[in-house]
Amino acid sequence: MEKTNDPQDRFTILDTQAASGRLGILVVATARYALKTGDADAVIRYAGKSAARCREYVFLDKLQYLAAGGRLSRSSAFFGDMLHMKPVISPLAEGARKVGVVRNQAEQLTFALQKLAADLPGMKRP
């Protein structure tokens, strides 16, 4: 089928194992990089490296939606909301994983900045 639809072998499939916002960011970044170079192999390498480095963190303000979807018990959601314990999750190929807990928006920002600093050391403007 590939020979029929891509006889010049110009189409490459890359499994980024990403979804949602992370996939969108990867597509936009790769497209911007592609505009700067005429080297298709460089674009493929860039996309692969970017997929490996890109992270997505989802900050949940209300746990009631996790309970409504059956991902969390109603009592856990009630007490978590009451104690202002908000999980931070990261969507991955194997499913969402809890990567932290914060209590408010200030802690969300601190969490995000710490993750950026750890993932992009030495960069002035990541």
C-alpha atoms as a PDB file:
ATOM      1  CA  MET A   1       0.000   0.000   0.000  1.00  0.00           C
ATOM      2  CA  GLU A   2       2.863   2.404   0.748  1.00  0.00           C
ATOM      3  CA  LYS A   3       4.291   1.942  -2.764  1.00  0.00           C
ATOM      4  CA  THR A   4       0.896   2.830  -4.244  1.00  0.00           C
ATOM      5  CA  ASN A   5       0.338   5.935  -2.116  1.00  0.00           C
ATOM      6  CA  ASP A   6       3.945   7.081  -1.727  1.00  0.00           C
ATOM      7  CA  PRO A   7       5.947   5.912  -4.748  1.00  0.00           C
ATOM      8  CA  GLN A   8       8.663   8.528  -4.140  1.00  0.00           C
ATOM      9  CA  ASP A   9       9.102   7.420  -0.515  1.00  0.00           C
ATOM     10  CA  ARG A  10       8.545  10.911   0.882  1.00  0.00           C
ATOM     11  CA  PHE A  11       6.126  10.013   3.667  1.00  0.00           C
ATOM     12  CA  THR A  12       7.452   8.973   7.082  1.00  0.00           C
ATOM     13  CA  ILE A  13       5.359   7.681   9.957  1.00  0.00           C
ATOM     14  CA  LEU A  14       6.672   8.530  13.405  1.00  0.00           C
ATOM     15  CA  ASP A  15       4.973   7.192  16.535  1.00  0.00           C
ATOM     16  CA  THR A  16       5.332  10.015  19.036  1.00  0.00           C
ATOM     17  CA  GLN A  17       3.245   8.199  21.667  1.00  0.00           C
ATOM     18  CA  ALA A  18       1.671  11.590  22.284  1.00  0.00           C
ATOM     19  CA  ALA A  19      -1.907  12.786  22.339  1.00  0.00           C
ATOM     20  CA  SER A  20      -3.824  15.909  23.126  1.00  0.00           C
ATOM     21  CA  GLY A  21      -1.887  19.118  23.775  1.00  0.00           C
ATOM     22  CA  ARG A  22       1.519  17.479  23.613  1.00  0.00           C
ATOM     23  CA  LEU A  23       0.886  16.208  20.086  1.00  0.00           C
ATOM     24  CA  GLY A  24      -0.283  19.654  18.977  1.00  0.00           C
ATOM     25  CA  ILE A  25       2.871  21.316  20.314  1.00  0.00           C
ATOM     26  CA  LEU A  26       5.047  18.703  18.606  1.00  0.00           C
ATOM     27  CA  VAL A  27       3.315  19.271  15.271  1.00  0.00           C
ATOM     28  CA  VAL A  28       3.626  23.065  15.453  1.00  0.00           C
ATOM     29  CA  ALA A  29       7.295  22.940  16.539  1.00  0.00           C
ATOM     30  CA  THR A  30       8.184  20.432  13.813  1.00  0.00           C
ATOM     31  CA  ALA A  31       6.364  22.460  11.156  1.00  0.00           C
ATOM     32  CA  ARG A  32       8.246  25.602  12.206  1.00  0.00           C
ATOM     33  CA  TYR A  33      11.527  23.708  12.059  1.00  0.00           C
ATOM     34  CA  ALA A  34      10.642  22.319   8.613  1.00  0.00           C
ATOM     35  CA  LEU A  35      10.184  25.862   7.299  1.00  0.00           C
ATOM     36  CA  LYS A  36      13.796  26.653   8.239  1.00  0.00           C
ATOM     37  CA  THR A  37      15.438  23.674   6.540  1.00  0.00           C
ATOM     38  CA  GLY A  38      15.248  21.842   3.257  1.00  0.00           C
ATOM     39  CA  ASP A  39      16.544  18.617   4.767  1.00  0.00           C
ATOM     40  CA  ALA A  40      13.725  16.096   5.269  1.00  0.00           C
ATOM     41  CA  ASP A  41      15.954  13.786   7.312  1.00  0.00           C
ATOM     42  CA  ALA A  42      16.770  16.652   9.690  1.00  0.00           C
ATOM     43  CA  VAL A  43      13.041  17.293  10.160  1.00  0.00           C
ATOM     44  CA  ILE A  44      12.455  13.605  10.988  1.00  0.00           C
ATOM     45  CA  ARG A  45      15.326  13.642  13.501  1.00  0.00           C
ATOM     46  CA  TYR A  46      13.997  16.873  15.035  1.00  0.00           C
ATOM     47  CA  ALA A  47      10.502  15.400  15.396  1.00  0.00           C
ATOM     48  CA  GLY A  48      11.863  12.252  17.064  1.00  0.00           C
ATOM     49  CA  LYS A  49      14.060  14.187  19.501  1.00  0.00           C
ATOM     50  CA  SER A  50      11.250  16.611  20.291  1.00  0.00           C
ATOM     51  CA  ALA A  51       8.801  13.775  20.979  1.00  0.00           C
ATOM     52  CA  ALA A  52      11.260  12.262  23.438  1.00  0.00           C
ATOM     53  CA  ARG A  53      11.774  15.590  25.255  1.00  0.00           C
ATOM     54  CA  CYS A  54       8.244  17.021  25.203  1.00  0.00           C
ATOM     55  CA  ARG A  55       6.175  16.762  28.391  1.00  0.00           C
ATOM     56  CA  GLU A  56       2.559  17.523  29.206  1.00  0.00           C
ATOM     57  CA  TYR A  57       1.201  18.247  32.665  1.00  0.00           C
ATOM     58  CA  VAL A  58      -2.505  18.578  33.398  1.00  0.00           C
ATOM     59  CA  PHE A  59      -3.478  20.453  36.548  1.00  0.00           C
ATOM     60  CA  LEU A  60      -6.872  19.387  37.857  1.00  0.00           C
ATOM     61  CA  ASP A  61      -8.815  21.964  39.862  1.00  0.00           C
ATOM     62  CA  LYS A  62     -11.796  19.759  40.725  1.00  0.00           C
ATOM     63  CA  LEU A  63     -11.679  16.035  41.449  1.00  0.00           C
ATOM     64  CA  GLN A  64     -15.429  15.628  41.032  1.00  0.00           C
ATOM     65  CA  TYR A  65     -14.929  15.085  37.287  1.00  0.00           C
ATOM     66  CA  LEU A  66     -12.588  12.162  37.917  1.00  0.00           C
ATOM     67  CA  ALA A  67     -15.216  10.671  40.224  1.00  0.00           C
ATOM     68  CA  ALA A  68     -17.976  11.241  37.669  1.00  0.00           C
ATOM     69  CA  GLY A  69     -15.897   9.389  35.076  1.00  0.00           C
ATOM     70  CA  GLY A  70     -15.208   6.500  37.460  1.00  0.00           C
ATOM     71  CA  ARG A  71     -11.466   7.146  37.700  1.00  0.00           C
ATOM     72  CA  LEU A  72     -11.680   8.069  41.378  1.00  0.00           C
ATOM     73  CA  SER A  73     -14.116   7.183  44.150  1.00  0.00           C
ATOM     74  CA  ARG A  74     -16.616   9.862  45.149  1.00  0.00           C
ATOM     75  CA  SER A  75     -15.316   9.889  48.720  1.00  0.00           C
ATOM     76  CA  SER A  76     -11.698  10.327  47.554  1.00  0.00           C
ATOM     77  CA  ALA A  77     -12.774  13.167  45.284  1.00  0.00           C
ATOM     78  CA  PHE A  78     -14.772  14.824  48.072  1.00  0.00           C
ATOM     79  CA  PHE A  79     -11.918  14.697  50.593  1.00  0.00           C
ATOM     80  CA  GLY A  80      -9.321  15.665  47.991  1.00  0.00           C
ATOM     81  CA  ASP A  81     -11.354  18.737  47.044  1.00  0.00           C
ATOM     82  CA  MET A  82     -11.999  19.550  50.705  1.00  0.00           C
ATOM     83  CA  LEU A  83      -8.263  19.343  51.540  1.00  0.00           C
ATOM     84  CA  HIS A  84      -7.330  21.243  48.361  1.00  0.00           C
ATOM     85  CA  MET A  85      -5.168  18.363  47.098  1.00  0.00           C
ATOM     86  CA  LYS A  86      -5.032  18.627  43.335  1.00  0.00           C
ATOM     87  CA  PRO A  87      -3.214  15.912  41.407  1.00  0.00           C
ATOM     88  CA  VAL A  88      -0.959  16.733  38.487  1.00  0.00           C
ATOM     89  CA  ILE A  89      -1.224  14.128  35.753  1.00  0.00           C
ATOM     90  CA  SER A  90       0.750  13.448  32.616  1.00  0.00           C
ATOM     91  CA  PRO A  91      -0.932  11.713  29.664  1.00  0.00           C
ATOM     92  CA  LEU A  92       1.364   8.969  28.348  1.00  0.00           C
ATOM     93  CA  ALA A  93       1.054   6.220  25.754  1.00  0.00           C
ATOM     94  CA  GLU A  94       0.220   3.683  28.466  1.00  0.00           C
ATOM     95  CA  GLY A  95      -2.322   5.993  30.152  1.00  0.00           C
ATOM     96  CA  ALA A  96      -2.397   8.987  32.457  1.00  0.00           C
ATOM     97  CA  ARG A  97       0.094   8.937  35.326  1.00  0.00           C
ATOM     98  CA  LYS A  98      -0.001  11.016  38.503  1.00  0.00           C
ATOM     99  CA  VAL A  99       3.252  12.977  38.692  1.00  0.00           C
ATOM    100  CA  GLY A 100       2.567  15.272  41.627  1.00  0.00           C
ATOM    101  CA  VAL A 101       0.104  16.993  43.927  1.00  0.00           C
ATOM    102  CA  VAL A 102      -0.387  20.733  44.402  1.00  0.00           C
ATOM    103  CA  ARG A 103      -2.797  22.752  46.523  1.00  0.00           C
ATOM    104  CA  ASN A 104      -3.372  25.961  44.545  1.00  0.00           C
ATOM    105  CA  GLN A 105      -2.477  27.897  41.393  1.00  0.00           C
ATOM    106  CA  ALA A 106       0.718  29.300  42.922  1.00  0.00           C
ATOM    107  CA  GLU A 107       1.941  25.732  43.533  1.00  0.00           C
ATOM    108  CA  GLN A 108       0.903  24.801  39.987  1.00  0.00           C
ATOM    109  CA  LEU A 109       3.151  27.550  38.627  1.00  0.00           C
ATOM    110  CA  THR A 110       6.021  26.533  40.916  1.00  0.00           C
ATOM    111  CA  PHE A 111       5.630  22.897  39.826  1.00  0.00           C
ATOM    112  CA  ALA A 112       5.653  23.852  36.134  1.00  0.00           C
ATOM    113  CA  LEU A 113       8.705  26.105  36.480  1.00  0.00           C
ATOM    114  CA  GLN A 114      10.611  23.410  38.398  1.00  0.00           C
ATOM    115  CA  LYS A 115       9.840  20.861  35.668  1.00  0.00           C
ATOM    116  CA  LEU A 116      10.959  23.307  32.977  1.00  0.00           C
ATOM    117  CA  ALA A 117      14.198  24.028  34.810  1.00  0.00           C
ATOM    118  CA  ALA A 118      14.895  20.304  35.252  1.00  0.00           C
ATOM    119  CA  ASP A 119      14.079  19.408  31.636  1.00  0.00           C
ATOM    120  CA  LEU A 120      15.840  22.396  30.050  1.00  0.00           C
ATOM    121  CA  PRO A 121      18.934  23.092  32.157  1.00  0.00           C
ATOM    122  CA  GLY A 122      21.083  26.046  31.212  1.00  0.00           C
ATOM    123  CA  MET A 123      18.608  27.576  28.787  1.00  0.00           C
ATOM    124  CA  LYS A 124      17.939  31.297  29.195  1.00  0.00           C
ATOM    125  CA  ARG A 125      14.605  31.303  27.358  1.00  0.00           C
ATOM    126  CA  PRO A 126      13.155  27.798  27.111  1.00  0.00           C
END
